[in-house]
């Protein structure tokens, strides 16, 4: 029997965690989720599950960009140069400039 992902489940497992703890959970999920999805015997359910995970990851990426953008903008107002931030964040100077101005790539 196959099970579709429940889009309405909201589990606040990361509430109150610091960045390192949240990243550890994300890395654990990255290490286990592909195998869990691959273990689904029904190929239709497997394809649906993967599609739903990809859609959720896209939403998460958008949400994370909205956390990063004001942080970069704040650092710019504190005097960090675009080049300094680019080196620190491992991004191109052009990308840092786009982020600080709220532009999408």
C-alpha atoms as a PDB file:
ATOM      1  CA  UNK A   1       0.000   0.000   0.000  1.00  0.00           C
ATOM      2  CA  UNK A   2       1.392   3.395  -0.930  1.00  0.00           C
ATOM      3  CA  UNK A   3       1.150   6.551   1.106  1.00  0.00           C
ATOM      4  CA  UNK A   4       1.132  10.083  -0.268  1.00  0.00           C
ATOM      5  CA  UNK A   5       2.848  12.815   1.689  1.00  0.00           C
ATOM      6  CA  UNK A   6       0.474  14.722   3.935  1.00  0.00           C
ATOM      7  CA  UNK A   7       0.910  18.360   2.921  1.00  0.00           C
ATOM      8  CA  UNK A   8      -0.921  19.535   6.028  1.00  0.00           C
ATOM      9  CA  UNK A   9       1.487  18.071   8.569  1.00  0.00           C
ATOM     10  CA  UNK A  10       3.338  20.870  10.317  1.00  0.00           C
ATOM     11  CA  UNK A  11       5.986  19.552  12.684  1.00  0.00           C
ATOM     12  CA  UNK A  12       7.954  22.227  14.538  1.00  0.00           C
ATOM     13  CA  UNK A  13      10.961  19.945  15.071  1.00  0.00           C
ATOM     14  CA  UNK A  14      13.427  22.750  14.482  1.00  0.00           C
ATOM     15  CA  UNK A  15      11.782  25.260  16.812  1.00  0.00           C
ATOM     16  CA  UNK A  16      14.303  26.615  19.277  1.00  0.00           C
ATOM     17  CA  UNK A  17      17.316  25.063  17.570  1.00  0.00           C
ATOM     18  CA  UNK A  18      20.411  26.969  16.639  1.00  0.00           C
ATOM     19  CA  UNK A  19      21.745  26.989  13.094  1.00  0.00           C
ATOM     20  CA  UNK A  20      24.170  24.108  13.665  1.00  0.00           C
ATOM     21  CA  UNK A  21      21.452  21.867  15.116  1.00  0.00           C
ATOM     22  CA  UNK A  22      19.080  22.698  12.261  1.00  0.00           C
ATOM     23  CA  UNK A  23      21.818  21.980   9.698  1.00  0.00           C
ATOM     24  CA  UNK A  24      22.526  18.635  11.365  1.00  0.00           C
ATOM     25  CA  UNK A  25      18.860  17.697  10.971  1.00  0.00           C
ATOM     26  CA  UNK A  26      18.872  18.818   7.354  1.00  0.00           C
ATOM     27  CA  UNK A  27      21.987  16.757   6.626  1.00  0.00           C
ATOM     28  CA  UNK A  28      20.416  13.730   8.295  1.00  0.00           C
ATOM     29  CA  UNK A  29      17.297  14.163   6.185  1.00  0.00           C
ATOM     30  CA  UNK A  30      19.399  14.521   3.042  1.00  0.00           C
ATOM     31  CA  UNK A  31      21.217  11.310   3.930  1.00  0.00           C
ATOM     32  CA  UNK A  32      18.052   9.281   4.561  1.00  0.00           C
ATOM     33  CA  UNK A  33      15.212  10.710   2.455  1.00  0.00           C
ATOM     34  CA  UNK A  34      16.347   9.501  -0.993  1.00  0.00           C
ATOM     35  CA  UNK A  35      16.597   5.909   0.223  1.00  0.00           C
ATOM     36  CA  UNK A  36      13.243   6.140   1.996  1.00  0.00           C
ATOM     37  CA  UNK A  37      11.604   7.357  -1.203  1.00  0.00           C
ATOM     38  CA  UNK A  38      13.438   4.776  -3.305  1.00  0.00           C
ATOM     39  CA  UNK A  39      12.111   2.024  -1.024  1.00  0.00           C
ATOM     40  CA  UNK A  40       8.524   2.800  -2.071  1.00  0.00           C
ATOM     41  CA  UNK A  41       7.437  -0.223  -4.088  1.00  0.00           C
ATOM     42  CA  UNK A  42       4.740   1.567  -6.081  1.00  0.00           C
ATOM     43  CA  UNK A  43       6.467   3.603  -8.826  1.00  0.00           C
ATOM     44  CA  UNK A  44       3.541   6.030  -9.071  1.00  0.00           C
ATOM     45  CA  UNK A  45       3.644   6.710  -5.335  1.00  0.00           C
ATOM     46  CA  UNK A  46       7.435   6.989  -5.528  1.00  0.00           C
ATOM     47  CA  UNK A  47       7.220   9.525  -8.368  1.00  0.00           C
ATOM     48  CA  UNK A  48       4.508  11.484  -6.512  1.00  0.00           C
ATOM     49  CA  UNK A  49       6.551  11.449  -3.320  1.00  0.00           C
ATOM     50  CA  UNK A  50       9.682  12.695  -5.050  1.00  0.00           C
ATOM     51  CA  UNK A  51       7.698  15.395  -6.826  1.00  0.00           C
ATOM     52  CA  UNK A  52       6.166  16.581  -3.577  1.00  0.00           C
ATOM     53  CA  UNK A  53       9.557  16.675  -1.869  1.00  0.00           C
ATOM     54  CA  UNK A  54      11.013  18.689  -4.753  1.00  0.00           C
ATOM     55  CA  UNK A  55       8.094  21.137  -4.539  1.00  0.00           C
ATOM     56  CA  UNK A  56       8.617  21.529  -0.780  1.00  0.00           C
ATOM     57  CA  UNK A  57      12.335  22.080  -1.313  1.00  0.00           C
ATOM     58  CA  UNK A  58      11.546  24.866  -3.764  1.00  0.00           C
ATOM     59  CA  UNK A  59       9.323  26.533  -1.176  1.00  0.00           C
ATOM     60  CA  UNK A  60      12.026  26.111   1.458  1.00  0.00           C
ATOM     61  CA  UNK A  61      14.607  27.653  -0.856  1.00  0.00           C
ATOM     62  CA  UNK A  62      12.379  30.686  -1.392  1.00  0.00           C
ATOM     63  CA  UNK A  63      11.828  31.064   2.363  1.00  0.00           C
ATOM     64  CA  UNK A  64      15.544  30.785   3.082  1.00  0.00           C
ATOM     65  CA  UNK A  65      16.364  33.414   0.475  1.00  0.00           C
ATOM     66  CA  UNK A  66      13.983  35.747   2.304  1.00  0.00           C
ATOM     67  CA  UNK A  67      15.984  35.152   5.484  1.00  0.00           C
ATOM     68  CA  UNK A  68      19.319  35.694   3.760  1.00  0.00           C
ATOM     69  CA  UNK A  69      18.370  38.853   1.844  1.00  0.00           C
ATOM     70  CA  UNK A  70      17.849  41.141   4.848  1.00  0.00           C
ATOM     71  CA  UNK A  71      20.931  39.676   6.541  1.00  0.00           C
ATOM     72  CA  UNK A  72      23.080  40.590   3.537  1.00  0.00           C
ATOM     73  CA  UNK A  73      21.442  44.012   3.284  1.00  0.00           C
ATOM     74  CA  UNK A  74      22.099  44.601   6.990  1.00  0.00           C
ATOM     75  CA  UNK A  75      25.740  43.638   6.610  1.00  0.00           C
ATOM     76  CA  UNK A  76      26.043  46.087   3.720  1.00  0.00           C
ATOM     77  CA  UNK A  77      24.651  48.888   5.915  1.00  0.00           C
ATOM     78  CA  UNK A  78      27.202  47.924   8.580  1.00  0.00           C
ATOM     79  CA  UNK A  79      29.978  48.669   6.113  1.00  0.00           C
ATOM     80  CA  UNK A  80      30.785  45.307   4.588  1.00  0.00           C
ATOM     81  CA  UNK A  81      31.787  45.681   0.977  1.00  0.00           C
ATOM     82  CA  UNK A  82      30.262  43.564  -1.745  1.00  0.00           C
ATOM     83  CA  UNK A  83      33.661  41.946  -2.332  1.00  0.00           C
ATOM     84  CA  UNK A  84      34.178  41.144   1.355  1.00  0.00           C
ATOM     85  CA  UNK A  85      30.741  39.565   1.613  1.00  0.00           C
ATOM     86  CA  UNK A  86      31.273  37.659  -1.621  1.00  0.00           C
ATOM     87  CA  UNK A  87      34.448  36.122  -0.221  1.00  0.00           C
ATOM     88  CA  UNK A  88      32.802  35.377   3.137  1.00  0.00           C
ATOM     89  CA  UNK A  89      29.662  33.826   1.624  1.00  0.00           C
ATOM     90  CA  UNK A  90      31.419  32.079  -1.277  1.00  0.00           C
ATOM     91  CA  UNK A  91      29.335  33.981  -3.818  1.00  0.00           C
ATOM     92  CA  UNK A  92      30.224  36.256  -6.698  1.00  0.00           C
ATOM     93  CA  UNK A  93      30.234  39.994  -6.002  1.00  0.00           C
ATOM     94  CA  UNK A  94      27.444  40.389  -8.561  1.00  0.00           C
ATOM     95  CA  UNK A  95      25.291  37.843  -6.701  1.00  0.00           C
ATOM     96  CA  UNK A  96      25.883  39.578  -3.350  1.00  0.00           C
ATOM     97  CA  UNK A  97      24.827  42.860  -4.934  1.00  0.00           C
ATOM     98  CA  UNK A  98      21.671  41.240  -6.320  1.00  0.00           C
ATOM     99  CA  UNK A  99      20.806  39.701  -2.953  1.00  0.00           C
ATOM    100  CA  UNK A 100      21.363  42.931  -1.026  1.00  0.00           C
ATOM    101  CA  UNK A 101      19.069  44.755  -3.459  1.00  0.00           C
ATOM    102  CA  UNK A 102      16.392  42.058  -3.350  1.00  0.00           C
ATOM    103  CA  UNK A 103      16.851  40.915  -6.939  1.00  0.00           C
ATOM    104  CA  UNK A 104      16.282  37.350  -7.998  1.00  0.00           C
ATOM    105  CA  UNK A 105      18.884  35.461  -9.976  1.00  0.00           C
END
